[in-house]
Amino acid sequence: MANESANGVFTDLFTAVGDLAQQATDMAGSAVKTATDTVQPVSNAAVQLCTSTINSATQIVESVTKAITSALTPKQSA
């Protein structure tokens, strides 16, 4: 009888520890998902901002190059 009682106690203990471990794992997974869901829009905005900045800088360089080329090109008289 005593042995059966001890086995029941250990079973209950292992079940409780297992449940706590499962809850901790679920919470960690949820935290990672929340962090990912939070960071993704910010990183997308940063990439879009960098792309827009690079495109604007490229357009400025092209405009300046055209202006310099136009200024240096001799005018042809008709």
C-alpha atoms as a PDB file:
ATOM      1  CA  MET A   1       0.000   0.000   0.000  1.00  0.00           C
ATOM      2  CA  ALA A   2       2.726   2.438   0.931  1.00  0.00           C
ATOM      3  CA  ASN A   3       4.494   1.774  -2.352  1.00  0.00           C
ATOM      4  CA  GLU A   4       1.362   2.560  -4.360  1.00  0.00           C
ATOM      5  CA  SER A   5       0.922   5.790  -2.405  1.00  0.00           C
ATOM      6  CA  ALA A   6       4.542   6.822  -3.103  1.00  0.00           C
ATOM      7  CA  ASN A   7       4.112   6.082  -6.807  1.00  0.00           C
ATOM      8  CA  GLY A   8       1.013   8.275  -6.882  1.00  0.00           C
ATOM      9  CA  VAL A   9       2.903  11.137  -5.240  1.00  0.00           C
ATOM     10  CA  PHE A  10       5.741  10.883  -7.775  1.00  0.00           C
ATOM     11  CA  THR A  11       3.269  10.690 -10.643  1.00  0.00           C
ATOM     12  CA  ASP A  12       1.539  13.820  -9.394  1.00  0.00           C
ATOM     13  CA  LEU A  13       4.902  15.560  -8.932  1.00  0.00           C
ATOM     14  CA  PHE A  14       6.108  14.681 -12.439  1.00  0.00           C
ATOM     15  CA  THR A  15       2.774  15.760 -13.899  1.00  0.00           C
ATOM     16  CA  ALA A  16       2.976  19.114 -12.108  1.00  0.00           C
ATOM     17  CA  VAL A  17       6.585  19.691 -13.214  1.00  0.00           C
ATOM     18  CA  GLY A  18       5.693  18.697 -16.780  1.00  0.00           C
ATOM     19  CA  ASP A  19       2.752  21.092 -16.817  1.00  0.00           C
ATOM     20  CA  LEU A  20       4.948  23.944 -15.558  1.00  0.00           C
ATOM     21  CA  ALA A  21       7.599  23.189 -18.163  1.00  0.00           C
ATOM     22  CA  GLN A  22       4.958  23.138 -20.907  1.00  0.00           C
ATOM     23  CA  GLN A  23       3.545  26.461 -19.733  1.00  0.00           C
ATOM     24  CA  ALA A  24       7.022  28.000 -19.672  1.00  0.00           C
ATOM     25  CA  THR A  25       7.679  26.744 -23.200  1.00  0.00           C
ATOM     26  CA  ASP A  26       4.335  28.100 -24.416  1.00  0.00           C
ATOM     27  CA  MET A  27       5.036  31.482 -22.825  1.00  0.00           C
ATOM     28  CA  ALA A  28       8.502  31.651 -24.400  1.00  0.00           C
ATOM     29  CA  GLY A  29       7.061  30.809 -27.813  1.00  0.00           C
ATOM     30  CA  SER A  30       4.390  33.446 -27.394  1.00  0.00           C
ATOM     31  CA  ALA A  31       6.993  36.033 -26.390  1.00  0.00           C
ATOM     32  CA  VAL A  32       9.096  35.266 -29.472  1.00  0.00           C
ATOM     33  CA  LYS A  33       6.040  35.552 -31.731  1.00  0.00           C
ATOM     34  CA  THR A  34       5.064  38.865 -30.142  1.00  0.00           C
ATOM     35  CA  ALA A  35       8.587  40.214 -30.554  1.00  0.00           C
ATOM     36  CA  THR A  36       8.680  39.118 -34.184  1.00  0.00           C
ATOM     37  CA  ASP A  37       5.279  40.657 -34.884  1.00  0.00           C
ATOM     38  CA  THR A  38       6.475  43.904 -33.304  1.00  0.00           C
ATOM     39  CA  VAL A  39       9.855  44.103 -35.034  1.00  0.00           C
ATOM     40  CA  GLN A  40       8.687  43.166 -38.541  1.00  0.00           C
ATOM     41  CA  PRO A  41       6.738  46.388 -39.322  1.00  0.00           C
ATOM     42  CA  VAL A  42       9.580  48.509 -37.951  1.00  0.00           C
ATOM     43  CA  SER A  43      12.161  46.734 -40.085  1.00  0.00           C
ATOM     44  CA  ASN A  44       9.899  47.007 -43.151  1.00  0.00           C
ATOM     45  CA  ALA A  45       9.579  50.754 -42.570  1.00  0.00           C
ATOM     46  CA  ALA A  46      13.350  51.088 -42.157  1.00  0.00           C
ATOM     47  CA  VAL A  47      13.990  49.240 -45.422  1.00  0.00           C
ATOM     48  CA  GLN A  48      11.437  51.388 -47.227  1.00  0.00           C
ATOM     49  CA  LEU A  49      12.997  54.563 -45.812  1.00  0.00           C
ATOM     50  CA  CYS A  50      16.494  53.493 -46.885  1.00  0.00           C
ATOM     51  CA  THR A  51      15.262  52.598 -50.374  1.00  0.00           C
ATOM     52  CA  SER A  52      13.502  55.943 -50.759  1.00  0.00           C
ATOM     53  CA  THR A  53      16.572  57.819 -49.541  1.00  0.00           C
ATOM     54  CA  ILE A  54      18.863  55.984 -51.962  1.00  0.00           C
ATOM     55  CA  ASN A  55      16.459  56.603 -54.870  1.00  0.00           C
ATOM     56  CA  SER A  56      16.238  60.308 -54.010  1.00  0.00           C
ATOM     57  CA  ALA A  57      20.021  60.605 -53.759  1.00  0.00           C
ATOM     58  CA  THR A  58      20.398  58.869 -57.127  1.00  0.00           C
ATOM     59  CA  GLN A  59      17.933  61.276 -58.748  1.00  0.00           C
ATOM     60  CA  ILE A  60      19.806  64.261 -57.283  1.00  0.00           C
ATOM     61  CA  VAL A  61      23.132  62.986 -58.624  1.00  0.00           C
ATOM     62  CA  GLU A  62      21.590  62.413 -62.060  1.00  0.00           C
ATOM     63  CA  SER A  63      20.113  65.919 -62.085  1.00  0.00           C
ATOM     64  CA  VAL A  64      23.399  67.510 -61.054  1.00  0.00           C
ATOM     65  CA  THR A  65      25.281  65.477 -63.678  1.00  0.00           C
ATOM     66  CA  LYS A  66      22.847  66.581 -66.405  1.00  0.00           C
ATOM     67  CA  ALA A  67      23.134  70.214 -65.311  1.00  0.00           C
ATOM     68  CA  ILE A  68      26.943  70.097 -65.357  1.00  0.00           C
ATOM     69  CA  THR A  69      26.964  68.342 -68.722  1.00  0.00           C
ATOM     70  CA  SER A  70      24.562  70.922 -70.171  1.00  0.00           C
ATOM     71  CA  ALA A  71      26.657  73.778 -68.833  1.00  0.00           C
ATOM     72  CA  LEU A  72      29.895  72.359 -70.274  1.00  0.00           C
ATOM     73  CA  THR A  73      28.528  71.314 -73.659  1.00  0.00           C
ATOM     74  CA  PRO A  74      29.230  73.987 -76.259  1.00  0.00           C
ATOM     75  CA  LYS A  75      26.149  75.509 -77.822  1.00  0.00           C
ATOM     76  CA  GLN A  76      25.730  74.943 -81.516  1.00  0.00           C
ATOM     77  CA  SER A  77      24.655  77.938 -83.495  1.00  0.00           C
ATOM     78  CA  ALA A  78      22.011  77.444 -86.101  1.00  0.00           C
END
